[in-house]
C-alpha atoms as a PDB file:
ATOM      1  CA  MET A   1      64.936  -4.499 -20.790  1.00  0.00           C
ATOM      2  CA  ARG A   2      67.025  -1.530 -21.894  1.00  0.00           C
ATOM      3  CA  GLU A   3      68.589  -1.012 -25.287  1.00  0.00           C
ATOM      4  CA  SER A   4      70.749   1.781 -26.673  1.00  0.00           C
ATOM      5  CA  ASP A   5      71.368   2.804 -30.261  1.00  0.00           C
ATOM      6  CA  GLU A   6      74.213   4.727 -31.883  1.00  0.00           C
ATOM      7  CA  ARG A   7      72.528   8.029 -30.980  1.00  0.00           C
ATOM      8  CA  GLU A   8      72.687   7.078 -27.295  1.00  0.00           C
ATOM      9  CA  SER A   9      68.904   6.961 -27.041  1.00  0.00           C
ATOM     10  CA  VAL A  10      67.766   4.538 -24.345  1.00  0.00           C
ATOM     11  CA  PHE A  11      64.837   2.259 -25.213  1.00  0.00           C
ATOM     12  CA  VAL A  12      62.944   0.541 -22.400  1.00  0.00           C
ATOM     13  CA  ASP A  13      60.706  -2.343 -23.424  1.00  0.00           C
ATOM     14  CA  VAL A  14      57.721  -2.446 -21.050  1.00  0.00           C
ATOM     15  CA  SER A  15      55.770  -5.285 -22.696  1.00  0.00           C
ATOM     16  CA  HIS A  16      55.624  -9.015 -21.978  1.00  0.00           C
ATOM     17  CA  GLU A  17      56.729 -11.642 -24.467  1.00  0.00           C
ATOM     18  CA  ILE A  18      53.950 -13.752 -25.979  1.00  0.00           C
ATOM     19  CA  GLU A  19      54.676 -17.453 -25.738  1.00  0.00           C
ATOM     20  CA  HIS A  20      52.808 -20.630 -26.639  1.00  0.00           C
ATOM     21  CA  GLY A  21      50.469 -21.661 -23.826  1.00  0.00           C
ATOM     22  CA  MET A  22      50.855 -18.596 -21.612  1.00  0.00           C
ATOM     23  CA  ILE A  23      47.850 -17.310 -19.699  1.00  0.00           C
ATOM     24  CA  THR A  24      47.276 -13.555 -19.598  1.00  0.00           C
ATOM     25  CA  TYR A  25      43.765 -13.419 -18.183  1.00  0.00           C
ATOM     26  CA  ARG A  26      42.192 -16.270 -16.252  1.00  0.00           C
ATOM     27  CA  GLY A  27      39.354 -17.867 -18.234  1.00  0.00           C
ATOM     28  CA  LEU A  28      40.678 -16.807 -21.653  1.00  0.00           C
ATOM     29  CA  PRO A  29      42.496 -19.338 -23.861  1.00  0.00           C
ATOM     30  CA  ALA A  30      46.255 -19.311 -24.198  1.00  0.00           C
ATOM     31  CA  PRO A  31      47.850 -18.477 -27.540  1.00  0.00           C
ATOM     32  CA  LEU A  32      48.638 -21.426 -29.805  1.00  0.00           C
ATOM     33  CA  ILE A  33      51.870 -20.773 -31.703  1.00  0.00           C
ATOM     34  CA  SER A  34      52.855 -23.161 -34.467  1.00  0.00           C
ATOM     35  CA  THR A  35      54.451 -23.367 -37.911  1.00  0.00           C
ATOM     36  CA  HIS A  36      52.425 -22.913 -41.087  1.00  0.00           C
ATOM     37  CA  LEU A  37      55.404 -23.403 -43.398  1.00  0.00           C
ATOM     38  CA  SER A  38      58.636 -24.875 -42.097  1.00  0.00           C
ATOM     39  CA  ARG A  39      62.054 -24.005 -43.483  1.00  0.00           C
ATOM     40  CA  GLU A  40      62.456 -27.580 -44.601  1.00  0.00           C
ATOM     41  CA  GLU A  41      59.146 -27.574 -46.491  1.00  0.00           C
ATOM     42  CA  SER A  42      59.862 -24.189 -48.064  1.00  0.00           C
ATOM     43  CA  ARG A  43      63.026 -25.438 -49.765  1.00  0.00           C
ATOM     44  CA  LYS A  44      60.846 -27.239 -52.328  1.00  0.00           C
ATOM     45  CA  ASP A  45      59.526 -23.897 -53.622  1.00  0.00           C
ATOM     46  CA  TYR A  46      62.726 -21.817 -53.719  1.00  0.00           C
ATOM     47  CA  GLY A  47      66.174 -21.907 -55.209  1.00  0.00           C
ATOM     48  CA  GLU A  48      69.088 -23.777 -53.722  1.00  0.00           C
ATOM     49  CA  GLY A  49      70.092 -22.390 -50.331  1.00  0.00           C
ATOM     50  CA  THR A  50      66.910 -20.310 -49.979  1.00  0.00           C
ATOM     51  CA  GLU A  51      64.365 -21.062 -47.248  1.00  0.00           C
ATOM     52  CA  PHE A  52      61.680 -19.257 -45.288  1.00  0.00           C
ATOM     53  CA  HIS A  53      59.625 -19.758 -42.153  1.00  0.00           C
ATOM     54  CA  ILE A  54      55.954 -18.720 -41.896  1.00  0.00           C
ATOM     55  CA  GLY A  55      54.534 -18.901 -38.413  1.00  0.00           C
ATOM     56  CA  LYS A  56      50.944 -19.275 -37.294  1.00  0.00           C
ATOM     57  CA  ILE A  57      49.303 -18.019 -34.132  1.00  0.00           C
ATOM     58  CA  GLU A  58      45.778 -18.454 -32.796  1.00  0.00           C
ATOM     59  CA  MET A  59      44.910 -16.211 -29.881  1.00  0.00           C
ATOM     60  CA  VAL A  60      42.303 -13.981 -28.328  1.00  0.00           C
ATOM     61  CA  ALA A  61      42.951 -10.261 -28.625  1.00  0.00           C
ATOM     62  CA  ASN A  62      43.540  -9.897 -24.869  1.00  0.00           C
ATOM     63  CA  THR A  63      46.950 -11.571 -24.844  1.00  0.00           C
ATOM     64  CA  GLY A  64      50.193 -10.314 -23.342  1.00  0.00           C
ATOM     65  CA  THR A  65      50.545  -6.550 -23.028  1.00  0.00           C
ATOM     66  CA  TYR A  66      47.595  -5.157 -24.958  1.00  0.00           C
ATOM     67  CA  LEU A  67      45.788  -1.941 -25.743  1.00  0.00           C
ATOM     68  CA  ASP A  68      42.050  -1.367 -25.427  1.00  0.00           C
ATOM     69  CA  ALA A  69      40.385   0.996 -27.905  1.00  0.00           C
ATOM     70  CA  PRO A  70      36.934   2.514 -27.227  1.00  0.00           C
ATOM     71  CA  PHE A  71      35.341  -0.186 -29.431  1.00  0.00           C
ATOM     72  CA  HIS A  72      36.328  -2.759 -26.786  1.00  0.00           C
ATOM     73  CA  ARG A  73      33.642  -1.278 -24.517  1.00  0.00           C
ATOM     74  CA  TYR A  74      31.359   0.656 -26.865  1.00  0.00           C
ATOM     75  CA  ALA A  75      29.931  -0.564 -30.183  1.00  0.00           C
ATOM     76  CA  GLU A  76      30.019   2.990 -31.561  1.00  0.00           C
ATOM     77  CA  GLY A  77      33.544   3.683 -30.295  1.00  0.00           C
ATOM     78  CA  ARG A  78      36.679   3.875 -32.429  1.00  0.00           C
ATOM     79  CA  ASP A  79      38.168   0.493 -33.278  1.00  0.00           C
ATOM     80  CA  LEU A  80      41.902  -0.215 -33.580  1.00  0.00           C
ATOM     81  CA  SER A  81      42.041   0.907 -37.199  1.00  0.00           C
ATOM     82  CA  GLU A  82      40.458   4.256 -36.351  1.00  0.00           C
ATOM     83  CA  LEU A  83      42.749   5.310 -33.525  1.00  0.00           C
ATOM     84  CA  PRO A  84      44.981   8.234 -34.500  1.00  0.00           C
ATOM     85  CA  LEU A  85      48.688   7.574 -34.107  1.00  0.00           C
ATOM     86  CA  SER A  86      48.852  10.739 -32.027  1.00  0.00           C
ATOM     87  CA  SER A  87      46.992   8.850 -29.279  1.00  0.00           C
ATOM     88  CA  LEU A  88      49.416   5.893 -29.335  1.00  0.00           C
ATOM     89  CA  ALA A  89      52.910   7.040 -30.277  1.00  0.00           C
ATOM     90  CA  ASP A  90      55.516   9.650 -29.358  1.00  0.00           C
ATOM     91  CA  LEU A  91      53.551  10.651 -26.272  1.00  0.00           C
ATOM     92  CA  ASP A  92      55.144  12.527 -23.415  1.00  0.00           C
ATOM     93  CA  GLY A  93      55.031  10.055 -20.560  1.00  0.00           C
ATOM     94  CA  ILE A  94      54.642  10.286 -16.824  1.00  0.00           C
ATOM     95  CA  CYS A  95      55.103   7.300 -14.522  1.00  0.00           C
ATOM     96  CA  ILE A  96      53.229   7.363 -11.227  1.00  0.00           C
ATOM     97  CA  SER A  97      54.293   5.151  -8.328  1.00  0.00           C
ATOM     98  CA  ALA A  98      51.276   3.403  -6.805  1.00  0.00           C
ATOM     99  CA  LYS A  99      52.786   0.426  -4.998  1.00  0.00           C
ATOM    100  CA  GLY A 100      51.074  -0.994  -1.943  1.00  0.00           C
ATOM    101  CA  PHE A 101      47.504  -0.969  -3.243  1.00  0.00           C
ATOM    102  CA  ALA A 102      46.951  -4.740  -3.614  1.00  0.00           C
ATOM    103  CA  SER A 103      43.226  -5.536  -3.213  1.00  0.00           C
ATOM    104  CA  ASN A 104      42.563  -1.824  -2.789  1.00  0.00           C
ATOM    105  CA  GLY A 105      41.701   0.836  -5.309  1.00  0.00           C
ATOM    106  CA  ILE A 106      44.302   3.432  -6.280  1.00  0.00           C
ATOM    107  CA  GLU A 107      42.829   6.723  -5.153  1.00  0.00           C
ATOM    108  CA  VAL A 108      42.988  10.223  -6.663  1.00  0.00           C
ATOM    109  CA  SER A 109      45.538  11.329  -4.055  1.00  0.00           C
ATOM    110  CA  VAL A 110      48.212   9.311  -5.917  1.00  0.00           C
ATOM    111  CA  PHE A 111      47.838  11.636  -8.911  1.00  0.00           C
ATOM    112  CA  SER A 112      48.288  14.966  -7.159  1.00  0.00           C
ATOM    113  CA  GLN A 113      51.026  17.468  -7.973  1.00  0.00           C
ATOM    114  CA  ALA A 114      51.477  16.571 -11.659  1.00  0.00           C
ATOM    115  CA  ASP A 115      50.410  17.798 -15.093  1.00  0.00           C
ATOM    116  CA  PHE A 116      48.728  14.995 -17.055  1.00  0.00           C
ATOM    117  CA  ARG A 117      47.396  16.931 -20.041  1.00  0.00           C
ATOM    118  CA  ASP A 118      48.128  15.151 -23.345  1.00  0.00           C
ATOM    119  CA  LYS A 119      50.394  12.641 -21.587  1.00  0.00           C
ATOM    120  CA  ALA A 120      50.611   8.873 -21.412  1.00  0.00           C
ATOM    121  CA  VAL A 121      49.992   8.178 -17.728  1.00  0.00           C
ATOM    122  CA  LEU A 122      51.650   4.926 -16.657  1.00  0.00           C
ATOM    123  CA  ILE A 123      50.794   3.523 -13.239  1.00  0.00           C
ATOM    124  CA  HIS A 124      53.549   1.513 -11.584  1.00  0.00           C
ATOM    125  CA  THR A 125      52.086  -0.887  -9.034  1.00  0.00           C
ATOM    126  CA  GLY A 126      54.831  -3.518  -9.054  1.00  0.00           C
ATOM    127  CA  TRP A 127      52.254  -6.213  -9.765  1.00  0.00           C
ATOM    128  CA  ALA A 128      54.132  -7.323 -12.904  1.00  0.00           C
ATOM    129  CA  GLU A 129      56.625  -9.066 -10.606  1.00  0.00           C
ATOM    130  CA  ARG A 130      53.936 -11.755 -10.189  1.00  0.00           C
ATOM    131  CA  TRP A 131      53.583 -12.337 -13.952  1.00  0.00           C
ATOM    132  CA  GLY A 132      53.504 -16.040 -14.789  1.00  0.00           C
ATOM    133  CA  SER A 133      52.340 -17.116 -11.340  1.00  0.00           C
ATOM    134  CA  GLU A 134      48.946 -17.800  -9.791  1.00  0.00           C
ATOM    135  CA  ALA A 135      49.460 -14.779  -7.554  1.00  0.00           C
ATOM    136  CA  TYR A 136      49.092 -12.510 -10.594  1.00  0.00           C
ATOM    137  CA  PHE A 137      45.392 -13.295 -10.980  1.00  0.00           C
ATOM    138  CA  THR A 138      43.971 -12.327  -7.586  1.00  0.00           C
ATOM    139  CA  GLY A 139      44.036  -9.290  -5.340  1.00  0.00           C
ATOM    140  CA  HIS A 140      45.504  -6.998  -7.983  1.00  0.00           C
ATOM    141  CA  PRO A 141      45.729  -3.183  -7.718  1.00  0.00           C
ATOM    142  CA  PHE A 142      43.264  -1.162  -9.811  1.00  0.00           C
ATOM    143  CA  LEU A 143      42.014   2.379 -10.303  1.00  0.00           C
ATOM    144  CA  THR A 144      38.937   3.687  -8.578  1.00  0.00           C
ATOM    145  CA  ARG A 145      36.081   5.292 -10.467  1.00  0.00           C
ATOM    146  CA  ALA A 146      37.114   8.650  -9.023  1.00  0.00           C
ATOM    147  CA  SER A 147      40.689   8.238 -10.278  1.00  0.00           C
ATOM    148  CA  ALA A 148      39.473   7.434 -13.788  1.00  0.00           C
ATOM    149  CA  SER A 149      37.249  10.518 -13.794  1.00  0.00           C
ATOM    150  CA  PHE A 150      40.150  12.624 -12.542  1.00  0.00           C
ATOM    151  CA  LEU A 151      42.429  11.461 -15.377  1.00  0.00           C
ATOM    152  CA  VAL A 152      39.750  12.290 -17.950  1.00  0.00           C
ATOM    153  CA  GLU A 153      39.318  15.775 -16.513  1.00  0.00           C
ATOM    154  CA  ALA A 154      43.101  16.189 -16.309  1.00  0.00           C
ATOM    155  CA  GLY A 155      43.364  15.571 -20.063  1.00  0.00           C
ATOM    156  CA  ALA A 156      45.350  12.317 -20.124  1.00  0.00           C
ATOM    157  CA  ARG A 157      45.933  11.004 -23.665  1.00  0.00           C
ATOM    158  CA  LEU A 158      46.525   7.332 -22.716  1.00  0.00           C
ATOM    159  CA  VAL A 159      46.493   5.391 -19.430  1.00  0.00           C
ATOM    160  CA  GLY A 160      48.501   2.242 -18.741  1.00  0.00           C
ATOM    161  CA  ILE A 161      49.031  -0.041 -15.755  1.00  0.00           C
ATOM    162  CA  ASP A 162      51.350  -2.938 -14.896  1.00  0.00           C
ATOM    163  CA  SER A 163      48.547  -4.908 -13.256  1.00  0.00           C
ATOM    164  CA  TYR A 164      46.109  -7.685 -14.095  1.00  0.00           C
ATOM    165  CA  ASN A 165      43.343  -5.215 -14.881  1.00  0.00           C
ATOM    166  CA  ILE A 166      42.846  -1.475 -14.609  1.00  0.00           C
ATOM    167  CA  ASP A 167      39.430  -2.228 -13.065  1.00  0.00           C
ATOM    168  CA  ASP A 168      38.510  -4.185  -9.965  1.00  0.00           C
ATOM    169  CA  THR A 169      37.541  -7.488 -11.626  1.00  0.00           C
ATOM    170  CA  ARG A 170      34.991  -8.067  -8.861  1.00  0.00           C
ATOM    171  CA  ASP A 171      33.006  -5.111 -10.235  1.00  0.00           C
ATOM    172  CA  ARG A 172      31.162  -6.360 -13.304  1.00  0.00           C
ATOM    173  CA  LEU A 173      30.316  -2.795 -14.364  1.00  0.00           C
ATOM    174  CA  ARG A 174      33.995  -2.125 -15.147  1.00  0.00           C
ATOM    175  CA  PRO A 175      33.699   1.612 -14.344  1.00  0.00           C
ATOM    176  CA  VAL A 176      37.316   2.541 -15.166  1.00  0.00           C
ATOM    177  CA  HIS A 177      37.208   1.027 -18.647  1.00  0.00           C
ATOM    178  CA  SER A 178      33.815   2.646 -19.158  1.00  0.00           C
ATOM    179  CA  ILE A 179      34.956   6.118 -18.110  1.00  0.00           C
ATOM    180  CA  LEU A 180      38.316   6.177 -19.923  1.00  0.00           C
ATOM    181  CA  LEU A 181      37.167   4.540 -23.159  1.00  0.00           C
ATOM    182  CA  LYS A 182      34.033   6.680 -23.341  1.00  0.00           C
ATOM    183  CA  ALA A 183      36.364   9.689 -23.258  1.00  0.00           C
ATOM    184  CA  GLY A 184      38.392   8.191 -26.118  1.00  0.00           C
ATOM    185  CA  ILE A 185      41.414   7.415 -23.926  1.00  0.00           C
ATOM    186  CA  PRO A 186      43.127   4.132 -24.873  1.00  0.00           C
ATOM    187  CA  VAL A 187      44.040   1.767 -22.023  1.00  0.00           C
ATOM    188  CA  VAL A 188      47.152  -0.424 -21.882  1.00  0.00           C
ATOM    189  CA  GLU A 189      47.162  -3.329 -19.429  1.00  0.00           C
ATOM    190  CA  HIS A 190      49.801  -5.864 -18.330  1.00  0.00           C
ATOM    191  CA  LEU A 191      52.757  -3.515 -18.673  1.00  0.00           C
ATOM    192  CA  CYS A 192      56.036  -4.464 -17.013  1.00  0.00           C
ATOM    193  CA  ARG A 193      59.438  -3.045 -16.000  1.00  0.00           C
ATOM    194  CA  LEU A 194      57.950   0.337 -15.157  1.00  0.00           C
ATOM    195  CA  ASP A 195      60.528   0.554 -12.366  1.00  0.00           C
ATOM    196  CA  GLU A 196      63.076   1.292 -15.126  1.00  0.00           C
ATOM    197  CA  LEU A 197      61.300   4.513 -16.093  1.00  0.00           C
ATOM    198  CA  PRO A 198      61.798   7.957 -14.565  1.00  0.00           C
ATOM    199  CA  VAL A 199      58.827   9.930 -13.314  1.00  0.00           C
ATOM    200  CA  SER A 200      58.913  12.041 -16.481  1.00  0.00           C
ATOM    201  CA  GLY A 201      61.186  12.938 -19.374  1.00  0.00           C
ATOM    202  CA  PHE A 202      60.418  10.010 -21.680  1.00  0.00           C
ATOM    203  CA  LYS A 203      58.363   9.250 -24.778  1.00  0.00           C
ATOM    204  CA  PHE A 204      55.890   6.362 -24.807  1.00  0.00           C
ATOM    205  CA  PHE A 205      54.697   4.160 -27.673  1.00  0.00           C
ATOM    206  CA  ALA A 206      52.009   1.419 -27.706  1.00  0.00           C
ATOM    207  CA  VAL A 207      50.829   0.834 -31.286  1.00  0.00           C
ATOM    208  CA  PRO A 208      48.640  -2.144 -32.250  1.00  0.00           C
ATOM    209  CA  VAL A 209      47.987  -3.348 -35.799  1.00  0.00           C
ATOM    210  CA  LYS A 210      45.099  -1.721 -37.692  1.00  0.00           C
ATOM    211  CA  VAL A 211      42.394  -4.388 -37.376  1.00  0.00           C
ATOM    212  CA  LYS A 212      38.874  -3.369 -38.377  1.00  0.00           C
ATOM    213  CA  SER A 213      36.072  -4.116 -35.901  1.00  0.00           C
ATOM    214  CA  PHE A 214      38.576  -5.042 -33.167  1.00  0.00           C
ATOM    215  CA  GLY A 215      38.830  -3.249 -29.860  1.00  0.00           C
ATOM    216  CA  THR A 216      41.916  -4.892 -28.349  1.00  0.00           C
ATOM    217  CA  PHE A 217      45.275  -6.194 -29.557  1.00  0.00           C
ATOM    218  CA  PRO A 218      48.772  -6.871 -28.195  1.00  0.00           C
ATOM    219  CA  VAL A 219      51.347  -4.090 -28.479  1.00  0.00           C
ATOM    220  CA  ARG A 220      55.130  -3.783 -28.259  1.00  0.00           C
ATOM    221  CA  ALA A 221      54.994  -1.056 -25.643  1.00  0.00           C
ATOM    222  CA  PHE A 222      58.191   0.872 -25.048  1.00  0.00           C
ATOM    223  CA  ALA A 223      59.627   4.132 -23.811  1.00  0.00           C
ATOM    224  CA  ILE A 224      62.476   6.257 -25.115  1.00  0.00           C
ATOM    225  CA  LEU A 225      64.340   8.078 -22.398  1.00  0.00           C
ATOM    226  CA  LYS A 226      65.348  11.602 -23.290  1.00  0.00           C
END
């Protein structure tokens, strides 16, 4: 989804909508979206012609397009409220094409010939095309342990992927989460529409709310094309 403003900036929304009953990760409950105060009920408390709606949502933190802070993996790691905005917003972005790796790890060779220092590294696998279907949950592309270590050494500021998980979900050690989050690098999963981004020349934003003692939360992830 692309939007333009009066300054001719181009905004590309790379996050999924959150809807009642949707499943993001198999085994986790779907969000329950309802109304706490309806417009009709609110009319009793306000002046004539004035009404409000207050919504209610019950969900696990890993819903939709979300960001993982170090606290998600490590008890002593920074939680959402402690992440500096400089690690989440106005980041120079680079989008790496890594299509064709279903059921196989994305190797270090994909990341050659680029400067990743202080950048948001977004990995375009094309897996988001399966969003909302059973095919999304199995055989997804993921990073290898070596690729995660490479991105840490290369100085990446944030790493995102348009896949079901940045790790191989068959590996219960979750090495990629462990390596990136230990280095203080936030992870964004379940991105989408990365095919609308150039390789470079854009700014990336993925800012969650400041929740204490939380390691994960949905984000409105987007890019601004220069």
